[in-house]
PDB file of N, CA and C in Angstrom:
ATOM      1  N   MET A   1     -56.408  -8.831  53.435  1.00  0.00           N
ATOM      2  CA  MET A   1     -56.562  -9.143  52.042  1.00  0.00           C
ATOM      3  C   MET A   1     -56.466  -7.904  50.741  1.00  0.00           C
ATOM      4  N   LEU A   2     -55.903  -9.017  49.587  1.00  0.00           N
ATOM      5  CA  LEU A   2     -55.192  -8.670  48.797  1.00  0.00           C
ATOM      6  C   LEU A   2     -55.831  -7.294  47.925  1.00  0.00           C
ATOM      7  N   ALA A   3     -57.203  -7.421  47.946  1.00  0.00           N
ATOM      8  CA  ALA A   3     -58.077  -6.641  47.408  1.00  0.00           C
ATOM      9  C   ALA A   3     -57.023  -5.222  47.666  1.00  0.00           C
ATOM     10  N   ALA A   4     -56.889  -5.271  48.655  1.00  0.00           N
ATOM     11  CA  ALA A   4     -56.999  -3.181  49.810  1.00  0.00           C
ATOM     12  C   ALA A   4     -55.459  -3.566  49.707  1.00  0.00           C
ATOM     13  N   SER A   5     -54.125  -4.336  49.486  1.00  0.00           N
ATOM     14  CA  SER A   5     -52.931  -3.923  49.295  1.00  0.00           C
ATOM     15  C   SER A   5     -52.925  -2.628  48.879  1.00  0.00           C
ATOM     16  N   SER A   6     -51.440  -2.375  49.507  1.00  0.00           N
ATOM     17  CA  SER A   6     -50.730  -0.785  48.851  1.00  0.00           C
ATOM     18  C   SER A   6     -51.071  -1.574  47.579  1.00  0.00           C
ATOM     19  N   GLU A   7     -50.197  -1.837  47.048  1.00  0.00           N
ATOM     20  CA  GLU A   7     -49.408  -2.899  45.582  1.00  0.00           C
ATOM     21  C   GLU A   7     -51.261  -3.013  44.713  1.00  0.00           C
ATOM     22  N   ALA A   8     -51.854  -3.138  44.857  1.00  0.00           N
ATOM     23  CA  ALA A   8     -53.718  -3.347  44.481  1.00  0.00           C
ATOM     24  C   ALA A   8     -54.070  -2.013  43.708  1.00  0.00           C
ATOM     25  N   LEU A   9     -54.157  -1.097  44.902  1.00  0.00           N
ATOM     26  CA  LEU A   9     -54.330  -0.021  44.690  1.00  0.00           C
ATOM     27  C   LEU A   9     -53.545   0.910  44.257  1.00  0.00           C
ATOM     28  N   GLN A  10     -52.012   0.522  44.102  1.00  0.00           N
ATOM     29  CA  GLN A  10     -51.731   1.338  42.773  1.00  0.00           C
ATOM     30  C   GLN A  10     -51.541   1.034  42.119  1.00  0.00           C
ATOM     31  N   LEU A  11     -51.279  -0.320  41.908  1.00  0.00           N
ATOM     32  CA  LEU A  11     -52.065  -0.916  40.200  1.00  0.00           C
ATOM     33  C   LEU A  11     -53.277  -0.027  39.796  1.00  0.00           C
ATOM     34  N   ALA A  12     -54.646  -0.066  40.798  1.00  0.00           N
ATOM     35  CA  ALA A  12     -55.215  -0.120  40.246  1.00  0.00           C
ATOM     36  C   ALA A  12     -55.078   1.392  39.970  1.00  0.00           C
ATOM     37  N   LYS A  13     -55.066   2.631  39.985  1.00  0.00           N
ATOM     38  CA  LYS A  13     -54.263   3.965  39.314  1.00  0.00           C
ATOM     39  C   LYS A  13     -53.424   3.530  38.788  1.00  0.00           C
ATOM     40  N   PHE A  14     -52.288   3.227  38.500  1.00  0.00           N
ATOM     41  CA  PHE A  14     -52.025   3.020  37.176  1.00  0.00           C
ATOM     42  C   PHE A  14     -52.403   2.827  35.719  1.00  0.00           C
ATOM     43  N   LEU A  15     -53.317   1.647  35.745  1.00  0.00           N
ATOM     44  CA  LEU A  15     -54.345   1.247  35.324  1.00  0.00           C
ATOM     45  C   LEU A  15     -55.159   2.642  35.029  1.00  0.00           C
ATOM     46  N   GLU A  16     -56.387   3.023  35.673  1.00  0.00           N
ATOM     47  CA  GLU A  16     -57.012   3.407  35.723  1.00  0.00           C
ATOM     48  C   GLU A  16     -56.778   4.599  34.762  1.00  0.00           C
ATOM     49  N   SER A  17     -55.072   5.437  35.074  1.00  0.00           N
ATOM     50  CA  SER A  17     -54.559   6.495  33.731  1.00  0.00           C
ATOM     51  C   SER A  17     -54.578   6.283  32.409  1.00  0.00           C
ATOM     52  N   GLY A  18     -55.164   4.731  32.340  1.00  0.00           N
ATOM     53  CA  GLY A  18     -55.011   4.597  30.599  1.00  0.00           C
ATOM     54  C   GLY A  18     -53.020   4.545  30.437  1.00  0.00           C
ATOM     55  N   ARG A  19     -52.281   5.169  30.535  1.00  0.00           N
ATOM     56  CA  ARG A  19     -50.968   5.155  29.829  1.00  0.00           C
ATOM     57  C   ARG A  19     -50.255   3.419  30.017  1.00  0.00           C
ATOM     58  N   TYR A  20     -50.562   2.418  30.762  1.00  0.00           N
ATOM     59  CA  TYR A  20     -49.519   1.415  31.292  1.00  0.00           C
ATOM     60  C   TYR A  20     -50.450   0.565  30.695  1.00  0.00           C
ATOM     61  N   GLY A  21     -49.571  -0.735  29.986  1.00  0.00           N
ATOM     62  CA  GLY A  21     -50.183  -2.409  30.094  1.00  0.00           C
ATOM     63  C   GLY A  21     -50.230  -2.674  31.463  1.00  0.00           C
ATOM     64  N   SER A  22     -51.189  -3.717  31.424  1.00  0.00           N
ATOM     65  CA  SER A  22     -51.453  -4.579  32.356  1.00  0.00           C
ATOM     66  C   SER A  22     -49.493  -5.024  33.082  1.00  0.00           C
ATOM     67  N   GLY A  23     -48.513  -5.295  32.065  1.00  0.00           N
ATOM     68  CA  GLY A  23     -47.459  -6.121  32.716  1.00  0.00           C
ATOM     69  C   GLY A  23     -46.735  -5.008  33.363  1.00  0.00           C
ATOM     70  N   GLU A  24     -46.650  -3.475  32.893  1.00  0.00           N
ATOM     71  CA  GLU A  24     -46.141  -2.586  33.178  1.00  0.00           C
ATOM     72  C   GLU A  24     -46.900  -2.338  34.608  1.00  0.00           C
ATOM     73  N   ALA A  25     -47.589  -2.001  34.314  1.00  0.00           N
ATOM     74  CA  ALA A  25     -48.163  -1.751  35.548  1.00  0.00           C
ATOM     75  C   ALA A  25     -47.852  -2.562  36.476  1.00  0.00           C
ATOM     76  N   SER A  26     -48.486  -3.503  36.937  1.00  0.00           N
ATOM     77  CA  SER A  26     -48.439  -4.238  37.435  1.00  0.00           C
ATOM     78  C   SER A  26     -47.164  -4.370  38.219  1.00  0.00           C
ATOM     79  N   CYS A  27     -45.915  -4.106  37.330  1.00  0.00           N
ATOM     80  CA  CYS A  27     -44.232  -4.305  37.985  1.00  0.00           C
ATOM     81  C   CYS A  27     -43.827  -3.169  38.998  1.00  0.00           C
ATOM     82  N   MET A  28     -44.646  -1.739  38.283  1.00  0.00           N
ATOM     83  CA  MET A  28     -44.150  -0.273  38.829  1.00  0.00           C
ATOM     84  C   MET A  28     -44.930  -0.625  40.399  1.00  0.00           C
ATOM     85  N   ALA A  29     -46.639  -0.835  39.956  1.00  0.00           N
ATOM     86  CA  ALA A  29     -46.869  -0.851  41.711  1.00  0.00           C
ATOM     87  C   ALA A  29     -46.368  -2.357  42.631  1.00  0.00           C
ATOM     88  N   TYR A  30     -45.641  -2.875  41.732  1.00  0.00           N
ATOM     89  CA  TYR A  30     -44.735  -4.096  43.503  1.00  0.00           C
ATOM     90  C   TYR A  30     -43.871  -3.104  43.977  1.00  0.00           C
ATOM     91  N   LEU A  31     -43.066  -2.654  42.603  1.00  0.00           N
ATOM     92  CA  LEU A  31     -41.638  -1.971  42.669  1.00  0.00           C
ATOM     93  C   LEU A  31     -42.443  -0.609  43.667  1.00  0.00           C
ATOM     94  N   THR A  32     -43.509   0.117  43.578  1.00  0.00           N
ATOM     95  CA  THR A  32     -44.014   0.817  44.813  1.00  0.00           C
ATOM     96  C   THR A  32     -43.759   1.124  46.328  1.00  0.00           C
ATOM     97  N   GLN A  33     -43.615  -0.818  46.587  1.00  0.00           N
ATOM     98  CA  GLN A  33     -43.386  -0.896  47.992  1.00  0.00           C
ATOM     99  C   GLN A  33     -42.445  -2.091  48.268  1.00  0.00           C
ATOM    100  N   HIS A  34     -41.675  -2.085  46.947  1.00  0.00           N
ATOM    101  CA  HIS A  34     -40.447  -2.902  47.324  1.00  0.00           C
ATOM    102  C   HIS A  34     -39.663  -2.943  46.608  1.00  0.00           C
ATOM    103  N   ASP A  35     -38.082  -3.439  47.229  1.00  0.00           N
ATOM    104  CA  ASP A  35     -37.020  -3.249  45.944  1.00  0.00           C
ATOM    105  C   ASP A  35     -37.352  -3.997  45.068  1.00  0.00           C
ATOM    106  N   GLY A  36     -36.437  -3.257  44.108  1.00  0.00           N
ATOM    107  CA  GLY A  36     -35.976  -5.000  42.726  1.00  0.00           C
ATOM    108  C   GLY A  36     -35.965  -3.622  41.466  1.00  0.00           C
ATOM    109  N   ILE A  37     -36.278  -4.939  40.783  1.00  0.00           N
ATOM    110  CA  ILE A  37     -35.294  -4.254  39.587  1.00  0.00           C
ATOM    111  C   ILE A  37     -36.570  -4.351  38.205  1.00  0.00           C
ATOM    112  N   LEU A  38     -36.827  -3.338  37.714  1.00  0.00           N
ATOM    113  CA  LEU A  38     -37.824  -2.911  36.401  1.00  0.00           C
ATOM    114  C   LEU A  38     -37.119  -3.624  35.431  1.00  0.00           C
ATOM    115  N   ALA A  39     -37.636  -5.073  34.696  1.00  0.00           N
ATOM    116  CA  ALA A  39     -37.115  -5.410  33.592  1.00  0.00           C
ATOM    117  C   ALA A  39     -38.283  -5.317  32.240  1.00  0.00           C
ATOM    118  N   SER A  40     -38.268  -4.528  31.487  1.00  0.00           N
ATOM    119  CA  SER A  40     -38.759  -3.423  30.642  1.00  0.00           C
ATOM    120  C   SER A  40     -37.825  -3.207  29.130  1.00  0.00           C
ATOM    121  N   ASN A  41     -38.206  -3.263  27.802  1.00  0.00           N
ATOM    122  CA  ASN A  41     -38.444  -2.337  27.328  1.00  0.00           C
ATOM    123  C   ASN A  41     -38.535  -1.700  26.519  1.00  0.00           C
ATOM    124  N   ASN A  42     -39.628  -1.386  27.029  1.00  0.00           N
ATOM    125  CA  ASN A  42     -40.957  -0.782  26.499  1.00  0.00           C
ATOM    126  C   ASN A  42     -40.489   0.706  27.828  1.00  0.00           C
ATOM    127  N   LEU A  43     -39.667   0.848  26.554  1.00  0.00           N
ATOM    128  CA  LEU A  43     -39.112   2.778  27.856  1.00  0.00           C
ATOM    129  C   LEU A  43     -40.270   3.431  27.719  1.00  0.00           C
ATOM    130  N   SER A  44     -40.851   4.048  27.130  1.00  0.00           N
ATOM    131  CA  SER A  44     -41.760   5.270  27.101  1.00  0.00           C
ATOM    132  C   SER A  44     -42.447   4.859  28.411  1.00  0.00           C
ATOM    133  N   ASP A  45     -42.908   4.071  28.693  1.00  0.00           N
ATOM    134  CA  ASP A  45     -43.826   3.589  30.097  1.00  0.00           C
ATOM    135  C   ASP A  45     -43.076   3.511  31.247  1.00  0.00           C
ATOM    136  N   VAL A  46     -41.987   2.824  31.091  1.00  0.00           N
ATOM    137  CA  VAL A  46     -41.108   2.074  32.276  1.00  0.00           C
ATOM    138  C   VAL A  46     -39.900   3.804  32.855  1.00  0.00           C
ATOM    139  N   GLU A  47     -39.627   4.469  32.355  1.00  0.00           N
ATOM    140  CA  GLU A  47     -37.783   5.212  32.466  1.00  0.00           C
ATOM    141  C   GLU A  47     -38.217   6.451  33.214  1.00  0.00           C
ATOM    142  N   ALA A  48     -39.729   6.951  33.173  1.00  0.00           N
ATOM    143  CA  ALA A  48     -39.597   7.762  34.448  1.00  0.00           C
ATOM    144  C   ALA A  48     -39.530   7.657  35.519  1.00  0.00           C
ATOM    145  N   PHE A  49     -40.777   7.073  35.831  1.00  0.00           N
ATOM    146  CA  PHE A  49     -41.142   5.875  36.787  1.00  0.00           C
ATOM    147  C   PHE A  49     -39.924   5.567  37.680  1.00  0.00           C
ATOM    148  N   CYS A  50     -38.975   4.962  37.033  1.00  0.00           N
ATOM    149  CA  CYS A  50     -37.923   3.903  37.313  1.00  0.00           C
ATOM    150  C   CYS A  50     -37.107   5.131  37.358  1.00  0.00           C
ATOM    151  N   SER A  51     -37.023   6.278  37.049  1.00  0.00           N
ATOM    152  CA  SER A  51     -36.166   7.268  37.491  1.00  0.00           C
ATOM    153  C   SER A  51     -36.907   8.234  38.753  1.00  0.00           C
ATOM    154  N   LYS A  52     -37.582   8.258  38.509  1.00  0.00           N
ATOM    155  CA  LYS A  52     -38.617   8.957  40.051  1.00  0.00           C
ATOM    156  C   LYS A  52     -38.879   8.434  41.055  1.00  0.00           C
ATOM    157  N   ASN A  53     -38.485   7.009  41.079  1.00  0.00           N
ATOM    158  CA  ASN A  53     -38.539   5.644  42.949  1.00  0.00           C
ATOM    159  C   ASN A  53     -37.310   5.113  42.798  1.00  0.00           C
ATOM    160  N   LYS A  54     -36.049   5.949  41.690  1.00  0.00           N
ATOM    161  CA  LYS A  54     -34.922   5.705  41.795  1.00  0.00           C
ATOM    162  C   LYS A  54     -34.480   3.734  41.675  1.00  0.00           C
ATOM    163  N   LYS A  55     -35.333   3.638  40.554  1.00  0.00           N
ATOM    164  CA  LYS A  55     -35.599   1.812  40.741  1.00  0.00           C
ATOM    165  C   LYS A  55     -34.837   1.252  39.267  1.00  0.00           C
ATOM    166  N   CYS A  56     -33.579   0.867  39.460  1.00  0.00           N
ATOM    167  CA  CYS A  56     -33.464   0.508  38.327  1.00  0.00           C
ATOM    168  C   CYS A  56     -33.879  -0.495  37.084  1.00  0.00           C
ATOM    169  N   LEU A  57     -33.186  -0.162  35.884  1.00  0.00           N
ATOM    170  CA  LEU A  57     -34.059  -0.623  35.019  1.00  0.00           C
ATOM    171  C   LEU A  57     -33.645  -1.257  34.077  1.00  0.00           C
ATOM    172  N   LEU A  58     -33.740  -2.369  33.737  1.00  0.00           N
ATOM    173  CA  LEU A  58     -32.980  -3.604  32.990  1.00  0.00           C
ATOM    174  C   LEU A  58     -33.980  -3.629  31.854  1.00  0.00           C
ATOM    175  N   THR A  59     -32.753  -3.893  31.059  1.00  0.00           N
ATOM    176  CA  THR A  59     -33.491  -3.764  29.140  1.00  0.00           C
ATOM    177  C   THR A  59     -33.254  -4.954  28.512  1.00  0.00           C
ATOM    178  N   THR A  60     -33.687  -5.958  26.837  1.00  0.00           N
ATOM    179  CA  THR A  60     -32.855  -6.677  26.923  1.00  0.00           C
ATOM    180  C   THR A  60     -31.630  -6.903  26.948  1.00  0.00           C
ATOM    181  N   ALA A  61     -31.624  -5.636  25.976  1.00  0.00           N
ATOM    182  CA  ALA A  61     -29.656  -5.053  26.238  1.00  0.00           C
ATOM    183  C   ALA A  61     -29.286  -5.596  27.079  1.00  0.00           C
ATOM    184  N   GLY A  62     -29.574  -4.625  27.972  1.00  0.00           N
ATOM    185  CA  GLY A  62     -28.804  -5.284  29.607  1.00  0.00           C
ATOM    186  C   GLY A  62     -29.149  -6.447  29.817  1.00  0.00           C
ATOM    187  N   VAL A  63     -30.125  -6.983  29.449  1.00  0.00           N
ATOM    188  CA  VAL A  63     -29.529  -8.755  29.691  1.00  0.00           C
ATOM    189  C   VAL A  63     -29.041  -9.815  29.010  1.00  0.00           C
ATOM    190  N   LEU A  64     -28.842  -9.145  27.500  1.00  0.00           N
ATOM    191  CA  LEU A  64     -27.926 -10.178  27.041  1.00  0.00           C
ATOM    192  C   LEU A  64     -26.398  -9.851  26.958  1.00  0.00           C
ATOM    193  N   ARG A  65     -26.621  -8.245  27.078  1.00  0.00           N
ATOM    194  CA  ARG A  65     -24.825  -7.637  27.844  1.00  0.00           C
ATOM    195  C   ARG A  65     -23.965  -8.612  28.510  1.00  0.00           C
ATOM    196  N   GLN A  66     -25.396  -8.459  29.107  1.00  0.00           N
ATOM    197  CA  GLN A  66     -24.219  -9.186  30.926  1.00  0.00           C
ATOM    198  C   GLN A  66     -23.936 -11.486  30.677  1.00  0.00           C
ATOM    199  N   ALA A  67     -25.007 -11.834  29.620  1.00  0.00           N
ATOM    200  CA  ALA A  67     -25.118 -13.000  29.648  1.00  0.00           C
ATOM    201  C   ALA A  67     -23.931 -13.171  28.572  1.00  0.00           C
ATOM    202  N   TYR A  68     -23.578 -12.636  27.734  1.00  0.00           N
ATOM    203  CA  TYR A  68     -22.406 -12.126  26.655  1.00  0.00           C
ATOM    204  C   TYR A  68     -20.816 -12.237  27.675  1.00  0.00           C
ATOM    205  N   LYS A  69     -21.370 -11.038  28.785  1.00  0.00           N
ATOM    206  CA  LYS A  69     -19.963 -10.869  29.093  1.00  0.00           C
ATOM    207  C   LYS A  69     -19.672 -11.810  30.089  1.00  0.00           C
ATOM    208  N   THR A  70     -20.550 -12.294  30.873  1.00  0.00           N
ATOM    209  CA  THR A  70     -20.105 -13.897  31.391  1.00  0.00           C
ATOM    210  C   THR A  70     -20.141 -15.107  31.107  1.00  0.00           C
ATOM    211  N   GLY A  71     -20.260 -15.384  29.028  1.00  0.00           N
ATOM    212  CA  GLY A  71     -20.173 -16.019  29.128  1.00  0.00           C
ATOM    213  C   GLY A  71     -20.517 -16.833  29.200  1.00  0.00           C
ATOM    214  N   LEU A  72     -21.840 -16.474  28.836  1.00  0.00           N
ATOM    215  CA  LEU A  72     -23.843 -17.948  28.802  1.00  0.00           C
ATOM    216  C   LEU A  72     -24.036 -17.881  27.497  1.00  0.00           C
ATOM    217  N   ILE A  73     -23.557 -16.946  26.589  1.00  0.00           N
ATOM    218  CA  ILE A  73     -24.039 -17.125  25.092  1.00  0.00           C
ATOM    219  C   ILE A  73     -22.878 -16.242  24.528  1.00  0.00           C
ATOM    220  N   ASN A  74     -22.371 -16.735  23.251  1.00  0.00           N
ATOM    221  CA  ASN A  74     -21.101 -16.117  22.568  1.00  0.00           C
ATOM    222  C   ASN A  74     -21.434 -14.845  21.877  1.00  0.00           C
ATOM    223  N   LEU A  75     -21.362 -14.078  20.967  1.00  0.00           N
ATOM    224  CA  LEU A  75     -21.325 -13.419  19.931  1.00  0.00           C
ATOM    225  C   LEU A  75     -22.553 -13.697  18.888  1.00  0.00           C
ATOM    226  N   ASP A  76     -21.977 -14.640  19.000  1.00  0.00           N
ATOM    227  CA  ASP A  76     -23.064 -15.852  17.336  1.00  0.00           C
ATOM    228  C   ASP A  76     -24.817 -15.765  18.171  1.00  0.00           C
ATOM    229  N   GLU A  77     -24.429 -16.027  19.177  1.00  0.00           N
ATOM    230  CA  GLU A  77     -25.500 -16.598  20.136  1.00  0.00           C
ATOM    231  C   GLU A  77     -26.734 -15.446  20.500  1.00  0.00           C
ATOM    232  N   ALA A  78     -25.369 -14.435  20.836  1.00  0.00           N
ATOM    233  CA  ALA A  78     -26.251 -12.994  21.187  1.00  0.00           C
ATOM    234  C   ALA A  78     -26.998 -12.862  19.730  1.00  0.00           C
ATOM    235  N   ASP A  79     -26.212 -12.358  18.626  1.00  0.00           N
ATOM    236  CA  ASP A  79     -26.095 -11.798  17.444  1.00  0.00           C
ATOM    237  C   ASP A  79     -27.930 -12.783  17.235  1.00  0.00           C
ATOM    238  N   GLU A  80     -27.678 -14.063  17.112  1.00  0.00           N
ATOM    239  CA  GLU A  80     -28.902 -14.762  16.975  1.00  0.00           C
ATOM    240  C   GLU A  80     -30.941 -14.326  17.724  1.00  0.00           C
ATOM    241  N   ILE A  81     -30.184 -14.512  19.082  1.00  0.00           N
ATOM    242  CA  ILE A  81     -31.083 -13.805  19.744  1.00  0.00           C
ATOM    243  C   ILE A  81     -31.917 -12.223  18.982  1.00  0.00           C
ATOM    244  N   TRP A  82     -30.836 -11.379  19.177  1.00  0.00           N
ATOM    245  CA  TRP A  82     -30.818 -10.263  18.761  1.00  0.00           C
ATOM    246  C   TRP A  82     -31.822 -10.239  18.160  1.00  0.00           C
ATOM    247  N   ALA A  83     -31.449 -10.841  16.292  1.00  0.00           N
ATOM    248  CA  ALA A  83     -32.466 -10.671  15.235  1.00  0.00           C
ATOM    249  C   ALA A  83     -33.041 -11.790  15.227  1.00  0.00           C
ATOM    250  N   GLY A  84     -33.960 -12.512  15.995  1.00  0.00           N
ATOM    251  CA  GLY A  84     -34.890 -12.990  16.475  1.00  0.00           C
ATOM    252  C   GLY A  84     -36.087 -12.202  17.086  1.00  0.00           C
ATOM    253  N   MET A  85     -35.247 -11.679  17.945  1.00  0.00           N
ATOM    254  CA  MET A  85     -36.276 -10.646  18.460  1.00  0.00           C
ATOM    255  C   MET A  85     -36.659  -8.902  17.576  1.00  0.00           C
ATOM    256  N   LEU A  86     -35.973  -9.033  16.635  1.00  0.00           N
ATOM    257  CA  LEU A  86     -36.224  -8.138  15.439  1.00  0.00           C
ATOM    258  C   LEU A  86     -37.087  -8.622  14.610  1.00  0.00           C
ATOM    259  N   SER A  87     -36.974  -9.835  14.076  1.00  0.00           N
ATOM    260  CA  SER A  87     -37.849 -10.059  13.436  1.00  0.00           C
ATOM    261  C   SER A  87     -39.226 -10.378  13.970  1.00  0.00           C
ATOM    262  N   LYS A  88     -39.362 -10.548  14.905  1.00  0.00           N
ATOM    263  CA  LYS A  88     -40.719 -10.294  15.750  1.00  0.00           C
ATOM    264  C   LYS A  88     -41.124  -8.664  15.698  1.00  0.00           C
ATOM    265  N   GLN A  89     -40.884  -7.732  15.650  1.00  0.00           N
ATOM    266  CA  GLN A  89     -40.967  -6.864  15.386  1.00  0.00           C
ATOM    267  C   GLN A  89     -40.438  -5.852  17.078  1.00  0.00           C
ATOM    268  N   ARG A  90     -39.985  -6.465  17.200  1.00  0.00           N
ATOM    269  CA  ARG A  90     -39.144  -5.794  19.110  1.00  0.00           C
ATOM    270  C   ARG A  90     -38.770  -4.329  18.572  1.00  0.00           C
ATOM    271  N   LYS A  91     -38.678  -3.399  19.320  1.00  0.00           N
ATOM    272  CA  LYS A  91     -37.486  -2.463  19.972  1.00  0.00           C
ATOM    273  C   LYS A  91     -36.247  -2.380  20.073  1.00  0.00           C
ATOM    274  N   LEU A  92     -34.806  -2.504  19.255  1.00  0.00           N
ATOM    275  CA  LEU A  92     -33.917  -2.280  19.943  1.00  0.00           C
ATOM    276  C   LEU A  92     -32.889  -1.439  19.245  1.00  0.00           C
ATOM    277  N   PRO A  93     -31.857  -1.048  20.580  1.00  0.00           N
ATOM    278  CA  PRO A  93     -31.095   0.131  20.010  1.00  0.00           C
ATOM    279  C   PRO A  93     -30.003   0.240  18.907  1.00  0.00           C
ATOM    280  N   ALA A  94     -30.187  -1.043  18.047  1.00  0.00           N
ATOM    281  CA  ALA A  94     -28.857  -1.341  17.270  1.00  0.00           C
ATOM    282  C   ALA A  94     -29.332  -2.673  15.866  1.00  0.00           C
ATOM    283  N   ALA A  95     -29.228  -2.379  14.629  1.00  0.00           N
ATOM    284  CA  ALA A  95     -29.549  -2.898  13.859  1.00  0.00           C
ATOM    285  C   ALA A  95     -28.945  -4.765  14.621  1.00  0.00           C
ATOM    286  N   SER A  96     -28.882  -4.964  14.993  1.00  0.00           N
ATOM    287  CA  SER A  96     -27.095  -6.618  15.773  1.00  0.00           C
ATOM    288  C   SER A  96     -27.131  -6.105  17.095  1.00  0.00           C
ATOM    289  N   PHE A  97     -26.837  -6.908  18.017  1.00  0.00           N
ATOM    290  CA  PHE A  97     -25.687  -7.038  19.022  1.00  0.00           C
ATOM    291  C   PHE A  97     -24.681  -6.792  18.895  1.00  0.00           C
ATOM    292  N   THR A  98     -23.577  -7.130  18.189  1.00  0.00           N
ATOM    293  CA  THR A  98     -22.084  -6.955  17.459  1.00  0.00           C
ATOM    294  C   THR A  98     -22.373  -5.426  17.557  1.00  0.00           C
ATOM    295  N   GLU A  99     -23.719  -4.610  16.337  1.00  0.00           N
ATOM    296  CA  GLU A  99     -23.423  -3.444  16.529  1.00  0.00           C
ATOM    297  C   GLU A  99     -23.927  -2.579  17.533  1.00  0.00           C
ATOM    298  N   TYR A 100     -24.482  -3.192  18.273  1.00  0.00           N
ATOM    299  CA  TYR A 100     -24.874  -2.304  20.036  1.00  0.00           C
ATOM    300  C   TYR A 100     -23.803  -2.423  20.872  1.00  0.00           C
ATOM    301  N   LEU A 101     -23.192  -3.065  20.655  1.00  0.00           N
ATOM    302  CA  LEU A 101     -21.918  -3.221  21.717  1.00  0.00           C
ATOM    303  C   LEU A 101     -20.362  -2.793  21.250  1.00  0.00           C
ATOM    304  N   SER A 102     -20.882  -2.548  19.592  1.00  0.00           N
ATOM    305  CA  SER A 102     -19.822  -1.679  18.749  1.00  0.00           C
ATOM    306  C   SER A 102     -20.285   0.045  19.495  1.00  0.00           C
ATOM    307  N   VAL A 103     -21.844   0.309  19.476  1.00  0.00           N
ATOM    308  CA  VAL A 103     -22.440   1.678  19.878  1.00  0.00           C
ATOM    309  C   VAL A 103     -21.777   1.704  21.252  1.00  0.00           C
ATOM    310  N   ILE A 104     -22.048   0.996  21.963  1.00  0.00           N
ATOM    311  CA  ILE A 104     -21.827   1.379  24.127  1.00  0.00           C
ATOM    312  C   ILE A 104     -20.401   1.163  23.929  1.00  0.00           C
ATOM    313  N   LYS A 105     -19.259   0.763  23.184  1.00  0.00           N
ATOM    314  CA  LYS A 105     -18.053   0.877  23.279  1.00  0.00           C
ATOM    315  C   LYS A 105     -17.837   2.433  23.242  1.00  0.00           C
ATOM    316  N   ARG A 106     -17.882   3.251  21.986  1.00  0.00           N
ATOM    317  CA  ARG A 106     -17.826   4.275  22.006  1.00  0.00           C
ATOM    318  C   ARG A 106     -18.694   5.282  22.729  1.00  0.00           C
ATOM    319  N   GLY A 107     -18.901   4.698  23.811  1.00  0.00           N
ATOM    320  CA  GLY A 107     -20.119   6.298  24.220  1.00  0.00           C
ATOM    321  C   GLY A 107     -20.969   6.173  23.786  1.00  0.00           C
ATOM    322  N   GLY A 108     -22.251   5.851  22.705  1.00  0.00           N
ATOM    323  CA  GLY A 108     -23.206   6.369  22.435  1.00  0.00           C
ATOM    324  C   GLY A 108     -24.606   6.028  22.796  1.00  0.00           C
TER     325      GLY A 108
END
């Protein structure tokens, strides 16, 4: 029965804490029982969980960087996607994808 599953019980604990949104709580509950990668920009919610549980955390910046490195998108497309996210008030680590690449190349 799904209601009594380990994932469902963990989800209830995460939600009852009031600290997590339903999306992050659902992903974290699943990952308590399974291997996987947590994709989220909500670092304040998930970073400690991933560290404690040895789970890989993937952000939008990481997804765009990988898409750029493998040639799925070019720099202009990445900057356009980045700008679109910023226009929707998404939190990103730089003003543009180009700037982000520059920062990570410097080790920042």
